[in-house]
Amino acid sequence: MSLIMPKYKGFLSTNQRAAIIAVHRYERNASQADRLKSMLLLDDGYTFEQIAKILLLDDQTIRNYLNKYERGGTEGLLSDKYIGYSGCLTQDEESKLATHLEEFTYPEVNPIIAYVEFTFGKEYSRSGMRDLLHRLDFSYKKTSHVPGKADSYKQQKFIDGFKEFMKNKSSDIPVLFMDATHPQYNSMPAYGWIKKGERKEIQSNTGRERLNINGVLNAETREAYSGPRKQDKNIY
């Protein structure tokens, strides 16, 4: 039975490992020593999660240390003045991810983590991916349900005409709206990672069943209308 080797096992050369051990031998700052130890443990084959548990840190911190080391070697790893961590993805990769997420809506972060690893070869923890999504201006919210055959132009035209009618109509004319409900299977809005300030719409089912339940609503009082009364001379 073959075993899958950890991704970073043996990623240090002999000279790189020796240099880290030499610096660690004289390092008196515990935080700096942890940074050095995390690189050695990665080279030994430990996972980010295992190292985080050993050093009492979180796995994203270990990923940050690796990113600093890959950018600036031992000096970059230990220097707080070195260019700080700004995410595993490059600016161009972040832009491509944002474009992808505007087209496809994911209900949770795990599939996004898998997409990023498959597409860009970068690994993220759940918390790290959530931080990235918020930084890219995405939030976790519901999709918006809209009628399957909605026509925004016709809707606005009706609204404008209705407002004009309401201004000029006689006060003794009640305005009623009647519609029917049609019990049926339909799509349900659900939560997903969506760009802030934008709506993700899913079409509702436009089909009708034979069972119709009719209802009438007074547009001014918002009361259900049970039928014409003697004083109702006109109905619009």
C-alpha atoms as a PDB file:
ATOM      1  CA  MET A   1       0.000   0.000   0.000  1.00  0.00           C
ATOM      2  CA  SER A   2       1.489   3.359  -1.035  1.00  0.00           C
ATOM      3  CA  LEU A   3       1.416   6.401   1.253  1.00  0.00           C
ATOM      4  CA  ILE A   4       0.799   9.974   0.061  1.00  0.00           C
ATOM      5  CA  MET A   5       3.709  12.140   1.215  1.00  0.00           C
ATOM      6  CA  PRO A   6       2.907  15.509   2.875  1.00  0.00           C
ATOM      7  CA  LYS A   7       3.199  18.354   0.365  1.00  0.00           C
ATOM      8  CA  TYR A   8       6.114  20.171   2.058  1.00  0.00           C
ATOM      9  CA  LYS A   9       8.099  17.176   3.313  1.00  0.00           C
ATOM     10  CA  GLY A  10      11.719  17.692   2.234  1.00  0.00           C
ATOM     11  CA  PHE A  11      11.077  21.156   0.725  1.00  0.00           C
ATOM     12  CA  LEU A  12      14.239  22.525   2.356  1.00  0.00           C
ATOM     13  CA  SER A  13      17.644  21.891   0.851  1.00  0.00           C
ATOM     14  CA  THR A  14      20.418  20.540   3.107  1.00  0.00           C
ATOM     15  CA  ASN A  15      21.989  24.004   3.336  1.00  0.00           C
ATOM     16  CA  GLN A  16      18.658  25.732   4.048  1.00  0.00           C
ATOM     17  CA  ARG A  17      17.830  23.319   6.846  1.00  0.00           C
ATOM     18  CA  ALA A  18      21.304  23.665   8.365  1.00  0.00           C
ATOM     19  CA  ALA A  19      21.001  27.476   8.261  1.00  0.00           C
ATOM     20  CA  ILE A  20      17.637  27.433  10.065  1.00  0.00           C
ATOM     21  CA  ILE A  21      18.982  25.058  12.758  1.00  0.00           C
ATOM     22  CA  ALA A  22      22.049  27.280  13.260  1.00  0.00           C
ATOM     23  CA  VAL A  23      19.925  30.426  13.709  1.00  0.00           C
ATOM     24  CA  HIS A  24      17.498  28.592  16.004  1.00  0.00           C
ATOM     25  CA  ARG A  25      20.358  27.487  18.262  1.00  0.00           C
ATOM     26  CA  TYR A  26      21.060  31.109  19.264  1.00  0.00           C
ATOM     27  CA  GLU A  27      17.527  32.508  19.043  1.00  0.00           C
ATOM     28  CA  ARG A  28      16.252  33.738  22.433  1.00  0.00           C
ATOM     29  CA  ASN A  29      12.918  35.149  21.282  1.00  0.00           C
ATOM     30  CA  ALA A  30      10.268  32.424  21.692  1.00  0.00           C
ATOM     31  CA  SER A  31       8.050  33.789  18.891  1.00  0.00           C
ATOM     32  CA  GLN A  32      10.962  33.924  16.453  1.00  0.00           C
ATOM     33  CA  ALA A  33      12.031  30.430  17.477  1.00  0.00           C
ATOM     34  CA  ASP A  34       8.514  29.143  16.700  1.00  0.00           C
ATOM     35  CA  ARG A  35       8.811  30.519  13.187  1.00  0.00           C
ATOM     36  CA  LEU A  36      12.041  28.607  12.648  1.00  0.00           C
ATOM     37  CA  LYS A  37      10.668  25.416  14.206  1.00  0.00           C
ATOM     38  CA  SER A  38       7.560  25.572  11.980  1.00  0.00           C
ATOM     39  CA  MET A  39       9.766  25.449   8.845  1.00  0.00           C
ATOM     40  CA  LEU A  40      11.723  22.469  10.210  1.00  0.00           C
ATOM     41  CA  LEU A  41       8.519  20.646  11.122  1.00  0.00           C
ATOM     42  CA  LEU A  42       7.071  21.267   7.642  1.00  0.00           C
ATOM     43  CA  ASP A  43      10.281  19.874   6.171  1.00  0.00           C
ATOM     44  CA  ASP A  44       9.863  16.813   8.434  1.00  0.00           C
ATOM     45  CA  GLY A  45       6.449  16.147   6.931  1.00  0.00           C
ATOM     46  CA  TYR A  46       4.100  17.559   9.561  1.00  0.00           C
ATOM     47  CA  THR A  47       0.898  19.228   8.321  1.00  0.00           C
ATOM     48  CA  PHE A  48      -0.064  22.828   9.029  1.00  0.00           C
ATOM     49  CA  GLU A  49      -2.695  21.641  11.501  1.00  0.00           C
ATOM     50  CA  GLN A  50      -0.267  19.351  13.345  1.00  0.00           C
ATOM     51  CA  ILE A  51       2.366  22.080  13.668  1.00  0.00           C
ATOM     52  CA  ALA A  52      -0.252  24.555  14.896  1.00  0.00           C
ATOM     53  CA  LYS A  53      -1.245  22.091  17.607  1.00  0.00           C
ATOM     54  CA  ILE A  54       2.379  21.493  18.644  1.00  0.00           C
ATOM     55  CA  LEU A  55       3.233  25.210  18.831  1.00  0.00           C
ATOM     56  CA  LEU A  56      -0.164  26.272  20.235  1.00  0.00           C
ATOM     57  CA  LEU A  57      -0.845  28.475  17.228  1.00  0.00           C
ATOM     58  CA  ASP A  58      -3.423  28.386  14.418  1.00  0.00           C
ATOM     59  CA  ASP A  59      -2.750  26.768  11.059  1.00  0.00           C
ATOM     60  CA  GLN A  60      -3.128  30.055   9.140  1.00  0.00           C
ATOM     61  CA  THR A  61      -0.239  31.509  11.162  1.00  0.00           C
ATOM     62  CA  ILE A  62       1.947  28.603  10.044  1.00  0.00           C
ATOM     63  CA  ARG A  63       0.930  29.277   6.441  1.00  0.00           C
ATOM     64  CA  ASN A  64       1.854  32.929   6.942  1.00  0.00           C
ATOM     65  CA  TYR A  65       5.312  31.882   8.211  1.00  0.00           C
ATOM     66  CA  LEU A  66       5.816  29.684   5.148  1.00  0.00           C
ATOM     67  CA  ASN A  67       4.803  32.525   2.855  1.00  0.00           C
ATOM     68  CA  LYS A  68       7.324  34.863   4.529  1.00  0.00           C
ATOM     69  CA  TYR A  69      10.074  32.236   4.257  1.00  0.00           C
ATOM     70  CA  GLU A  70       9.372  31.548   0.582  1.00  0.00           C
ATOM     71  CA  ARG A  71       9.545  35.278  -0.142  1.00  0.00           C
ATOM     72  CA  GLY A  72      12.553  36.248   1.936  1.00  0.00           C
ATOM     73  CA  GLY A  73      14.295  33.181   3.325  1.00  0.00           C
ATOM     74  CA  THR A  74      15.323  33.042   6.993  1.00  0.00           C
ATOM     75  CA  GLU A  75      15.793  36.816   7.148  1.00  0.00           C
ATOM     76  CA  GLY A  76      12.326  37.433   5.738  1.00  0.00           C
ATOM     77  CA  LEU A  77      10.818  34.870   8.097  1.00  0.00           C
ATOM     78  CA  LEU A  78      12.243  36.594  11.180  1.00  0.00           C
ATOM     79  CA  SER A  79      11.933  40.228  10.117  1.00  0.00           C
ATOM     80  CA  ASP A  80       8.693  41.973  11.075  1.00  0.00           C
ATOM     81  CA  LYS A  81       9.740  44.798   8.759  1.00  0.00           C
ATOM     82  CA  TYR A  82       9.638  42.414   5.813  1.00  0.00           C
ATOM     83  CA  ILE A  83       6.666  42.796   3.476  1.00  0.00           C
ATOM     84  CA  GLY A  84       3.792  41.340   5.441  1.00  0.00           C
ATOM     85  CA  TYR A  85       1.509  38.522   4.468  1.00  0.00           C
ATOM     86  CA  SER A  86      -1.251  39.611   2.103  1.00  0.00           C
ATOM     87  CA  GLY A  87      -2.781  36.256   1.251  1.00  0.00           C
ATOM     88  CA  CYS A  88      -1.557  33.139  -0.518  1.00  0.00           C
ATOM     89  CA  LEU A  89      -2.991  34.330  -3.841  1.00  0.00           C
ATOM     90  CA  THR A  90      -1.378  37.002  -5.955  1.00  0.00           C
ATOM     91  CA  GLN A  91      -3.385  40.114  -6.830  1.00  0.00           C
ATOM     92  CA  ASP A  92      -4.097  38.705 -10.284  1.00  0.00           C
ATOM     93  CA  GLU A  93      -5.246  35.376  -8.801  1.00  0.00           C
ATOM     94  CA  GLU A  94      -7.494  37.169  -6.322  1.00  0.00           C
ATOM     95  CA  SER A  95      -9.067  39.098  -9.197  1.00  0.00           C
ATOM     96  CA  LYS A  96      -9.683  35.861 -11.121  1.00  0.00           C
ATOM     97  CA  LEU A  97     -11.218  34.240  -8.017  1.00  0.00           C
ATOM     98  CA  ALA A  98     -13.537  37.225  -7.489  1.00  0.00           C
ATOM     99  CA  THR A  99     -14.662  37.029 -11.137  1.00  0.00           C
ATOM    100  CA  HIS A 100     -15.328  33.300 -10.744  1.00  0.00           C
ATOM    101  CA  LEU A 101     -17.358  33.833  -7.559  1.00  0.00           C
ATOM    102  CA  GLU A 102     -19.488  36.500  -9.225  1.00  0.00           C
ATOM    103  CA  GLU A 103     -20.474  33.906 -11.832  1.00  0.00           C
ATOM    104  CA  PHE A 104     -20.793  30.861  -9.563  1.00  0.00           C
ATOM    105  CA  THR A 105     -22.338  30.911  -6.077  1.00  0.00           C
ATOM    106  CA  TYR A 106     -20.928  28.499  -3.467  1.00  0.00           C
ATOM    107  CA  PRO A 107     -23.049  27.591  -0.409  1.00  0.00           C
ATOM    108  CA  GLU A 108     -19.984  27.121   1.827  1.00  0.00           C
ATOM    109  CA  VAL A 109     -16.226  27.736   1.898  1.00  0.00           C
ATOM    110  CA  ASN A 110     -14.957  24.140   1.494  1.00  0.00           C
ATOM    111  CA  PRO A 111     -15.718  23.955  -2.260  1.00  0.00           C
ATOM    112  CA  ILE A 112     -14.050  27.361  -2.712  1.00  0.00           C
ATOM    113  CA  ILE A 113     -10.959  26.078  -0.898  1.00  0.00           C
ATOM    114  CA  ALA A 114     -10.934  23.057  -3.230  1.00  0.00           C
ATOM    115  CA  TYR A 115     -11.365  25.288  -6.312  1.00  0.00           C
ATOM    116  CA  VAL A 116      -8.471  27.553  -5.248  1.00  0.00           C
ATOM    117  CA  GLU A 117      -6.181  24.581  -4.580  1.00  0.00           C
ATOM    118  CA  PHE A 118      -7.083  22.947  -7.912  1.00  0.00           C
ATOM    119  CA  THR A 119      -6.857  26.177  -9.953  1.00  0.00           C
ATOM    120  CA  PHE A 120      -3.972  28.033  -8.309  1.00  0.00           C
ATOM    121  CA  GLY A 121      -2.219  25.307  -6.292  1.00  0.00           C
ATOM    122  CA  LYS A 122      -2.665  27.290  -3.047  1.00  0.00           C
ATOM    123  CA  GLU A 123      -3.973  25.870   0.232  1.00  0.00           C
ATOM    124  CA  TYR A 124      -6.323  27.726   2.595  1.00  0.00           C
ATOM    125  CA  SER A 125      -7.904  26.909   5.946  1.00  0.00           C
ATOM    126  CA  ARG A 126     -11.621  27.599   6.475  1.00  0.00           C
ATOM    127  CA  SER A 127     -10.889  30.682   8.569  1.00  0.00           C
ATOM    128  CA  GLY A 128      -8.271  31.882   6.081  1.00  0.00           C
ATOM    129  CA  MET A 129     -10.696  31.525   3.167  1.00  0.00           C
ATOM    130  CA  ARG A 130     -13.433  33.362   5.056  1.00  0.00           C
ATOM    131  CA  ASP A 131     -10.997  36.218   5.726  1.00  0.00           C
ATOM    132  CA  LEU A 132     -10.059  36.296   2.039  1.00  0.00           C
ATOM    133  CA  LEU A 133     -13.700  36.350   0.920  1.00  0.00           C
ATOM    134  CA  HIS A 134     -14.504  39.243   3.238  1.00  0.00           C
ATOM    135  CA  ARG A 135     -11.413  41.094   1.996  1.00  0.00           C
ATOM    136  CA  LEU A 136     -12.615  40.557  -1.601  1.00  0.00           C
ATOM    137  CA  ASP A 137     -15.930  42.153  -0.543  1.00  0.00           C
ATOM    138  CA  PHE A 138     -18.081  39.003  -0.457  1.00  0.00           C
ATOM    139  CA  SER A 139     -20.576  38.228   2.290  1.00  0.00           C
ATOM    140  CA  TYR A 140     -22.638  35.178   3.244  1.00  0.00           C
ATOM    141  CA  LYS A 141     -26.282  35.946   2.458  1.00  0.00           C
ATOM    142  CA  LYS A 142     -29.388  34.600   0.777  1.00  0.00           C
ATOM    143  CA  THR A 143     -30.076  34.612  -2.937  1.00  0.00           C
ATOM    144  CA  SER A 144     -33.058  36.724  -4.058  1.00  0.00           C
ATOM    145  CA  HIS A 145     -36.194  35.056  -5.382  1.00  0.00           C
ATOM    146  CA  VAL A 146     -37.722  36.825  -8.425  1.00  0.00           C
ATOM    147  CA  PRO A 147     -40.676  35.816 -10.629  1.00  0.00           C
ATOM    148  CA  GLY A 148     -39.584  33.622 -13.489  1.00  0.00           C
ATOM    149  CA  LYS A 149     -41.209  35.886 -16.104  1.00  0.00           C
ATOM    150  CA  ALA A 150     -40.633  39.281 -14.492  1.00  0.00           C
ATOM    151  CA  ASP A 151     -40.328  42.239 -16.899  1.00  0.00           C
ATOM    152  CA  SER A 152     -38.844  45.247 -15.097  1.00  0.00           C
ATOM    153  CA  TYR A 153     -39.960  47.690 -17.851  1.00  0.00           C
ATOM    154  CA  LYS A 154     -43.611  46.582 -17.703  1.00  0.00           C
ATOM    155  CA  GLN A 155     -43.521  46.581 -13.894  1.00  0.00           C
ATOM    156  CA  GLN A 156     -42.285  50.172 -13.741  1.00  0.00           C
ATOM    157  CA  LYS A 157     -44.814  51.252 -16.350  1.00  0.00           C
ATOM    158  CA  PHE A 158     -47.622  49.780 -14.236  1.00  0.00           C
ATOM    159  CA  ILE A 159     -46.300  51.418 -11.051  1.00  0.00           C
ATOM    160  CA  ASP A 160     -46.162  54.844 -12.714  1.00  0.00           C
ATOM    161  CA  GLY A 161     -49.700  54.464 -14.080  1.00  0.00           C
ATOM    162  CA  PHE A 162     -51.031  53.181 -10.757  1.00  0.00           C
ATOM    163  CA  LYS A 163     -49.571  56.115  -8.820  1.00  0.00           C
ATOM    164  CA  GLU A 164     -51.169  58.550 -11.261  1.00  0.00           C
ATOM    165  CA  PHE A 165     -54.540  56.786 -10.949  1.00  0.00           C
ATOM    166  CA  MET A 166     -54.411  56.842  -7.132  1.00  0.00           C
ATOM    167  CA  LYS A 167     -53.826  60.603  -7.165  1.00  0.00           C
ATOM    168  CA  ASN A 168     -56.895  61.344  -9.288  1.00  0.00           C
ATOM    169  CA  LYS A 169     -59.447  58.699  -8.286  1.00  0.00           C
ATOM    170  CA  SER A 170     -62.567  59.492  -6.242  1.00  0.00           C
ATOM    171  CA  SER A 171     -62.313  58.654  -2.516  1.00  0.00           C
ATOM    172  CA  ASP A 172     -65.398  56.396  -2.667  1.00  0.00           C
ATOM    173  CA  ILE A 173     -63.760  54.042  -5.188  1.00  0.00           C
ATOM    174  CA  PRO A 174     -61.952  51.141  -3.478  1.00  0.00           C
ATOM    175  CA  VAL A 175     -58.925  49.739  -5.290  1.00  0.00           C
ATOM    176  CA  LEU A 176     -58.638  45.976  -5.022  1.00  0.00           C
ATOM    177  CA  PHE A 177     -55.967  43.553  -6.140  1.00  0.00           C
ATOM    178  CA  MET A 178     -56.898  39.950  -6.779  1.00  0.00           C
ATOM    179  CA  ASP A 179     -54.518  37.079  -7.311  1.00  0.00           C
ATOM    180  CA  ALA A 180     -54.439  33.347  -6.885  1.00  0.00           C
ATOM    181  CA  THR A 181     -51.986  31.114  -5.104  1.00  0.00           C
ATOM    182  CA  HIS A 182     -51.025  27.850  -6.746  1.00  0.00           C
ATOM    183  CA  PRO A 183     -49.659  25.204  -4.334  1.00  0.00           C
ATOM    184  CA  GLN A 184     -46.729  23.604  -6.133  1.00  0.00           C
ATOM    185  CA  TYR A 185     -43.088  22.616  -5.885  1.00  0.00           C
ATOM    186  CA  ASN A 186     -40.815  25.627  -6.228  1.00  0.00           C
ATOM    187  CA  SER A 187     -37.184  26.729  -5.932  1.00  0.00           C
ATOM    188  CA  MET A 188     -36.072  27.968  -2.507  1.00  0.00           C
ATOM    189  CA  PRO A 189     -33.577  30.794  -1.907  1.00  0.00           C
ATOM    190  CA  ALA A 190     -30.492  29.637   0.017  1.00  0.00           C
ATOM    191  CA  TYR A 191     -27.372  31.212   1.476  1.00  0.00           C
ATOM    192  CA  GLY A 192     -24.103  31.520  -0.465  1.00  0.00           C
ATOM    193  CA  TRP A 193     -21.003  33.726  -0.834  1.00  0.00           C
ATOM    194  CA  ILE A 194     -22.179  36.757  -2.839  1.00  0.00           C
ATOM    195  CA  LYS A 195     -20.504  40.072  -3.683  1.00  0.00           C
ATOM    196  CA  LYS A 196     -21.521  42.801  -1.222  1.00  0.00           C
ATOM    197  CA  GLY A 197     -24.106  45.198  -2.646  1.00  0.00           C
ATOM    198  CA  GLU A 198     -25.171  42.702  -5.329  1.00  0.00           C
ATOM    199  CA  ARG A 199     -28.092  40.274  -5.613  1.00  0.00           C
ATOM    200  CA  LYS A 200     -27.918  36.727  -6.914  1.00  0.00           C
ATOM    201  CA  GLU A 201     -31.313  35.841  -8.370  1.00  0.00           C
ATOM    202  CA  ILE A 202     -32.888  32.433  -8.986  1.00  0.00           C
ATOM    203  CA  GLN A 203     -36.037  32.069 -11.055  1.00  0.00           C
ATOM    204  CA  SER A 204     -39.181  30.802  -9.392  1.00  0.00           C
ATOM    205  CA  ASN A 205     -41.373  28.120 -10.932  1.00  0.00           C
ATOM    206  CA  THR A 206     -43.794  29.713 -13.403  1.00  0.00           C
ATOM    207  CA  GLY A 207     -46.053  26.688 -13.890  1.00  0.00           C
ATOM    208  CA  ARG A 208     -49.590  26.484 -12.477  1.00  0.00           C
ATOM    209  CA  GLU A 209     -51.472  23.594 -10.922  1.00  0.00           C
ATOM    210  CA  ARG A 210     -55.238  23.033 -11.289  1.00  0.00           C
ATOM    211  CA  LEU A 211     -55.877  24.032  -7.665  1.00  0.00           C
ATOM    212  CA  ASN A 212     -56.241  27.839  -7.473  1.00  0.00           C
ATOM    213  CA  ILE A 213     -56.790  29.698  -4.198  1.00  0.00           C
ATOM    214  CA  ASN A 214     -58.002  33.240  -4.935  1.00  0.00           C
ATOM    215  CA  GLY A 215     -57.566  36.241  -2.666  1.00  0.00           C
ATOM    216  CA  VAL A 216     -58.448  39.947  -2.839  1.00  0.00           C
ATOM    217  CA  LEU A 217     -56.613  42.773  -1.042  1.00  0.00           C
ATOM    218  CA  ASN A 218     -57.621  46.409  -0.585  1.00  0.00           C
ATOM    219  CA  ALA A 219     -54.663  48.441  -1.901  1.00  0.00           C
ATOM    220  CA  GLU A 220     -55.269  51.317   0.533  1.00  0.00           C
ATOM    221  CA  THR A 221     -56.272  49.620   3.802  1.00  0.00           C
ATOM    222  CA  ARG A 222     -54.262  46.418   3.149  1.00  0.00           C
ATOM    223  CA  GLU A 223     -57.259  44.420   4.392  1.00  0.00           C
ATOM    224  CA  ALA A 224     -58.487  41.181   2.837  1.00  0.00           C
ATOM    225  CA  TYR A 225     -61.648  41.817   0.801  1.00  0.00           C
ATOM    226  CA  SER A 226     -64.498  39.386   1.422  1.00  0.00           C
ATOM    227  CA  GLY A 227     -66.925  40.674  -1.231  1.00  0.00           C
ATOM    228  CA  PRO A 228     -68.781  43.836  -2.338  1.00  0.00           C
ATOM    229  CA  ARG A 229     -70.807  45.641   0.274  1.00  0.00           C
ATOM    230  CA  LYS A 230     -73.926  47.742  -0.289  1.00  0.00           C
ATOM    231  CA  GLN A 231     -71.934  50.987   0.005  1.00  0.00           C
ATOM    232  CA  ASP A 232     -69.388  49.871  -2.599  1.00  0.00           C
ATOM    233  CA  LYS A 233     -70.864  51.370  -5.758  1.00  0.00           C
ATOM    234  CA  ASN A 234     -67.721  51.195  -7.845  1.00  0.00           C
ATOM    235  CA  ILE A 235     -64.956  48.663  -7.898  1.00  0.00           C
ATOM    236  CA  TYR A 236     -61.739  49.187  -9.872  1.00  0.00           C
END
